[in-house]
Each structure stands twice: as structure tokens, then as C-alpha cells.
Protein backbone atom coordinates (compact mmCIF):
# COMPACT_ATOMS: atom_id res chain seq x y z
CA MET A 1 12.91 11.26 0.38
CA SER A 2 10.96 8.96 2.78
CA GLN A 3 12.49 5.71 3.86
CA VAL A 4 10.21 2.87 4.52
CA LYS A 5 11.94 0.45 6.93
CA THR A 6 9.18 -0.57 9.33
CA VAL A 7 5.57 -0.18 9.60
CA SER A 8 3.86 -0.71 12.88
CA GLY A 9 0.43 -0.32 14.19
CA GLN A 10 -2.82 -2.33 14.13
CA GLY A 11 -4.03 -4.83 11.44
CA ILE A 12 -7.16 -5.31 9.64
CA PRO A 13 -7.99 -8.74 7.90
CA ILE A 14 -9.86 -8.92 4.41
CA VAL A 15 -10.51 -12.46 3.93
CA GLY A 16 -10.69 -14.04 0.32
CA ASN A 17 -8.77 -14.75 -2.77
CA ASP A 18 -8.92 -12.65 -5.93
CA ILE A 19 -10.30 -9.50 -4.49
CA ASP A 20 -10.03 -7.19 -7.63
CA THR A 21 -9.62 -3.60 -7.99
CA ASP A 22 -13.33 -3.05 -8.79
CA ARG A 23 -14.12 -4.30 -5.33
CA ILE A 24 -11.43 -2.28 -3.72
CA ILE A 25 -12.76 1.01 -5.39
CA PRO A 26 -15.69 0.71 -7.71
CA ALA A 27 -15.49 2.03 -11.27
CA ARG A 28 -18.02 4.89 -10.56
CA TYR A 29 -15.49 6.68 -8.30
CA LEU A 30 -12.89 6.93 -10.94
CA ARG A 31 -14.18 10.16 -12.28
CA CYS A 32 -12.59 12.11 -9.51
CA VAL A 33 -10.07 14.92 -10.40
CA THR A 34 -7.84 13.98 -7.33
CA PHE A 35 -7.42 11.12 -5.16
CA GLU A 36 -8.77 13.01 -2.12
CA GLY A 37 -11.79 11.48 -0.49
CA LEU A 38 -11.32 8.07 -2.02
CA GLY A 39 -10.66 6.54 1.36
CA ASP A 40 -14.26 6.79 2.32
CA LYS A 41 -15.18 4.86 -0.81
CA ALA A 42 -12.68 1.98 -0.31
CA PHE A 43 -14.67 -1.48 -0.64
CA ALA A 44 -17.99 0.60 -1.04
CA ASP A 45 -19.98 -2.08 -2.62
CA ASP A 46 -18.80 -4.68 -0.12
CA ARG A 47 -19.46 -2.57 2.77
CA ALA A 48 -22.87 -1.90 1.62
CA GLN A 49 -23.68 -5.54 1.24
CA ALA A 50 -22.20 -6.32 4.70
CA LYS A 51 -24.45 -3.69 6.20
CA GLY A 52 -21.82 -2.28 8.57
CA GLN A 53 -20.06 -5.63 9.32
CA HIS A 54 -17.25 -5.21 6.85
CA PRO A 55 -13.79 -4.76 8.55
CA PHE A 56 -13.48 -1.27 7.05
CA ASP A 57 -16.70 -0.25 8.95
CA ARG A 58 -16.36 -2.26 12.24
CA PRO A 59 -15.38 0.04 15.12
CA GLN A 60 -12.59 -2.31 16.46
CA TYR A 61 -10.66 -1.73 13.04
CA GLN A 62 -10.74 1.94 12.69
CA GLY A 63 -7.24 3.39 12.69
CA ALA A 64 -5.65 0.18 11.54
CA ASN A 65 -2.95 0.64 9.07
CA ILE A 66 -1.79 -2.78 8.06
CA LEU A 67 -4.07 -4.85 5.69
CA VAL A 68 -3.86 -8.63 5.83
CA VAL A 69 -5.19 -10.22 2.54
CA ASN A 70 -5.00 -13.65 0.88
CA GLY A 71 -4.01 -14.64 -2.73
CA ASN A 72 -4.06 -12.52 -5.87
CA PHE A 73 -5.15 -9.35 -4.08
CA GLY A 74 -5.62 -6.23 -6.41
CA CYS A 75 -6.12 -8.28 -9.52
CA GLY A 76 -8.36 -7.11 -12.33
CA SER A 77 -7.97 -3.53 -13.88
CA SER A 78 -4.75 -1.47 -13.53
CA ARG A 79 -6.51 1.40 -11.72
CA GLU A 80 -4.23 3.32 -9.34
CA HIS A 81 -7.27 4.43 -7.53
CA ALA A 82 -7.36 1.18 -5.70
CA PRO A 83 -4.22 1.51 -3.63
CA GLN A 84 -4.93 5.22 -3.49
CA ALA A 85 -8.08 4.49 -1.86
CA LEU A 86 -6.54 2.08 0.70
CA GLN A 87 -3.80 4.60 1.41
CA LYS A 88 -6.30 7.47 1.91
CA TRP A 89 -8.27 5.13 4.35
CA GLY A 90 -4.94 4.80 6.34
CA ILE A 91 -3.32 1.70 5.03
CA GLN A 92 0.42 1.94 5.13
CA ALA A 93 1.54 -1.65 4.45
CA LEU A 94 -0.11 -4.92 3.15
CA VAL A 95 0.75 -8.53 4.09
CA GLY A 96 -0.64 -11.15 1.73
CA GLU A 97 -0.20 -14.46 -0.01
CA SER A 98 0.20 -12.78 -3.46
CA PHE A 99 -0.57 -9.50 -5.13
CA ALA A 100 -1.35 -8.58 -8.81
CA GLU A 101 1.70 -7.22 -10.38
CA ILE A 102 0.22 -3.81 -11.55
CA PHE A 103 -1.39 -3.34 -8.07
CA PHE A 104 1.96 -4.23 -6.40
CA GLY A 105 3.85 -1.54 -8.58
CA ASN A 106 1.28 1.13 -7.86
CA CYS A 107 1.50 0.53 -4.11
CA LEU A 108 5.29 0.89 -4.56
CA ALA A 109 5.02 3.97 -6.30
CA MET A 110 3.41 5.50 -3.35
CA GLY A 111 5.75 3.88 -0.68
CA VAL A 112 3.30 1.31 0.59
CA PRO A 113 5.01 -1.99 0.82
CA CYS A 114 3.29 -5.25 -0.11
CA VAL A 115 5.04 -8.23 1.48
CA THR A 116 3.99 -11.80 0.88
CA ALA A 117 3.93 -14.76 3.27
CA GLU A 118 3.01 -18.27 3.34
CA PRO A 119 -0.68 -18.97 3.29
CA GLU A 120 -0.87 -20.43 6.78
CA THR A 121 1.23 -17.52 7.91
CA VAL A 122 -1.51 -15.04 6.45
CA LYS A 123 -4.44 -17.04 7.93
CA GLN A 124 -2.89 -17.21 11.30
CA LEU A 125 -2.32 -13.34 11.28
CA GLN A 126 -5.88 -12.99 10.12
CA ARG A 127 -7.19 -15.23 13.06
CA ILE A 128 -5.05 -13.23 15.56
CA LEU A 129 -6.59 -9.77 14.19
CA GLU A 130 -10.15 -11.40 14.33
CA GLU A 131 -9.67 -12.55 17.87
CA ASN A 132 -7.91 -9.37 19.06
CA PRO A 133 -8.18 -6.30 16.82
CA GLN A 134 -6.07 -4.34 19.02
CA ALA A 135 -3.12 -6.69 18.64
CA PRO A 136 0.04 -4.67 17.70
CA ILE A 137 1.48 -5.69 14.49
CA THR A 138 4.86 -4.85 12.83
CA VAL A 139 5.95 -5.26 9.13
CA ASP A 140 9.92 -5.00 9.17
CA LEU A 141 11.57 -4.67 5.86
CA GLU A 142 14.97 -4.88 7.25
CA ALA A 143 14.61 -8.09 9.16
CA MET A 144 11.91 -9.16 6.59
CA ASP A 145 9.29 -10.44 8.96
CA VAL A 146 5.99 -9.65 10.45
CA ARG A 147 5.35 -9.77 14.24
CA SER A 148 2.30 -9.59 16.44
CA GLY A 149 2.73 -10.30 19.98
CA ASP A 150 4.49 -13.72 20.35
CA PHE A 151 3.83 -14.59 16.80
CA GLN A 152 6.57 -13.90 14.37
CA ALA A 153 6.91 -15.20 10.67
CA SER A 154 9.18 -14.55 7.63
CA VAL A 155 7.92 -12.34 4.78
CA SER A 156 9.33 -11.76 1.40
CA MET A 157 9.50 -9.17 -1.45
CA PRO A 158 11.87 -8.57 -4.36
CA GLU A 159 15.27 -7.46 -2.96
CA GLY A 160 15.29 -4.61 -5.59
CA VAL A 161 12.01 -3.41 -4.38
CA ARG A 162 12.99 -3.81 -0.76
CA GLN A 163 16.01 -1.72 -1.29
CA THR A 164 14.04 1.20 -2.91
CA LEU A 165 11.79 1.22 0.10
CA ILE A 166 14.58 1.18 2.91
CA THR A 167 16.66 3.72 1.01
CA GLY A 168 13.79 6.06 -0.07
CA THR A 169 14.60 5.85 -3.57
CA TRP A 170 11.03 4.63 -4.36
CA ASP A 171 9.99 8.22 -4.27
CA SER A 172 10.64 9.50 -7.81
CA CYS A 173 9.35 13.09 -7.11
CA GLY A 174 11.49 13.15 -3.98
CA GLN A 175 14.54 12.10 -6.05
CA LEU A 176 14.02 14.99 -8.60
CA VAL A 177 13.48 17.51 -5.78
CA LYS A 178 16.65 16.20 -4.04
CA GLN A 179 18.65 16.51 -7.25
CA VAL A 180 17.06 19.89 -8.41
CA ASP A 181 20.46 21.31 -9.27
CA GLN A 182 21.36 18.54 -11.47
CA VAL A 183 18.00 18.76 -13.15
CA ARG A 184 18.48 22.39 -13.90
CA GLU A 185 22.02 21.90 -15.21
CA THR A 186 20.77 19.03 -17.45
CA ALA A 187 17.69 21.05 -18.92
CA MET A 188 20.13 23.99 -19.75
CA LYS A 189 22.12 21.64 -21.89
CA LEU A 190 19.33 20.30 -23.95
CA PRO A 191 19.33 22.21 -27.32
CA TYR A 192 15.47 21.71 -27.82
CA LEU A 193 14.63 23.38 -24.49
CA LYS A 194 15.09 27.03 -24.16
CA TRP A 195 14.44 27.48 -20.31
CA ASP A 196 14.52 30.79 -18.56
CA THR A 197 16.75 29.90 -15.58
CA ALA A 198 14.42 31.69 -13.28
CA THR A 199 11.54 29.26 -13.94
CA VAL A 200 13.65 25.98 -14.07
């Protein structure tokens, strides 16, 4: 199981409130059988309209892994393709003013932390990243802060969620694999399952 205690790297700012999941990954890309390749389609329509000036296209932000957003990010439909597209693009953590609940949960299911901060903190981070795209940035789930150079500010997330990330228990598949002997033992006790022990 993978513990998520800190995420460090470079940041990428996406400015605007109420950016919904259809903007993050347009509906026409939901027909894919797997999530592979969705990273290239993240913000596809916004990027087309921006004609190469969208942060996801600008060369100075390539390789960034921490997304800094404003309020109610990920609202709209519950499509898990949205956080999947962001992760496939390279995003490993998000800092924002607020997140839509289902989007937040879908990120957690992939081990991608979404931390919230005061609006002025977020705006200041976005300014730092706009002025210096190479500025290092760290999201620390143990200290519950975000740091970039001399800038440091508190962030928050529900304590139960934080614990699942830093202990690695967010990974439900990982937990099953880790407890495979107990899974086999329980399966063998279920009267309605007739498992061949070689296949369990």
C-alpha cells in the first residue's frame, strides 16, 4: 500500500471558480474502455479555445504535478474520468479553495490528495506560479501546510481522509492484496461460495 505524506515538485495554476468535470474532461472522451490516454485530453476544449496558452499547454508548466485551483473545483457530473485525466497528465495533488464532494472522493480513491486553503492563500500561490513556473512547491499532509520558497501557509482536509492517505489505507485494492490470506479464509467459510482453493 502506498502512503501519501508529502507531494513535492512544481505547480500549475488553473484560475476560475466552478470548473466542472465536463471542462476537465469533455463527455465525448468517456467512451474509452480504460483511462489510459486521458491525460492528453484533460481540458481539451479549454485548451483548444486558448490556442496554446492554456497552462496545460504552456511549456513552462510541463512536468508540473501540483494543481492550484479556486472554488468548487470538479463540480458537475460525478465522472471519475476527470481526476483520472488529471492524474494521467501528471497531477499528484491539488490545492484549492474548495472541491466538489464527489470529485474529492474520486481523487481520494486514487491516492491524490485535495487540500483546501484560504482564498488569499490560493491566489498568492497562483501568483507565485505565474511569476515563476519553476518555483518548487510542497504539499505536506503531516504538517498540513503548503510551501513554495519563502511562502508557507496552512491547508486543511478532513482528519479521517488525511489518516487514510498517510497510512496508505486509501488503497482498497492494496488492502485486499495485503490481506489475501484472510480474504481466502473468509471466502472458504461462505456457504454460498464453492471456491477451488487453487483459484482463490
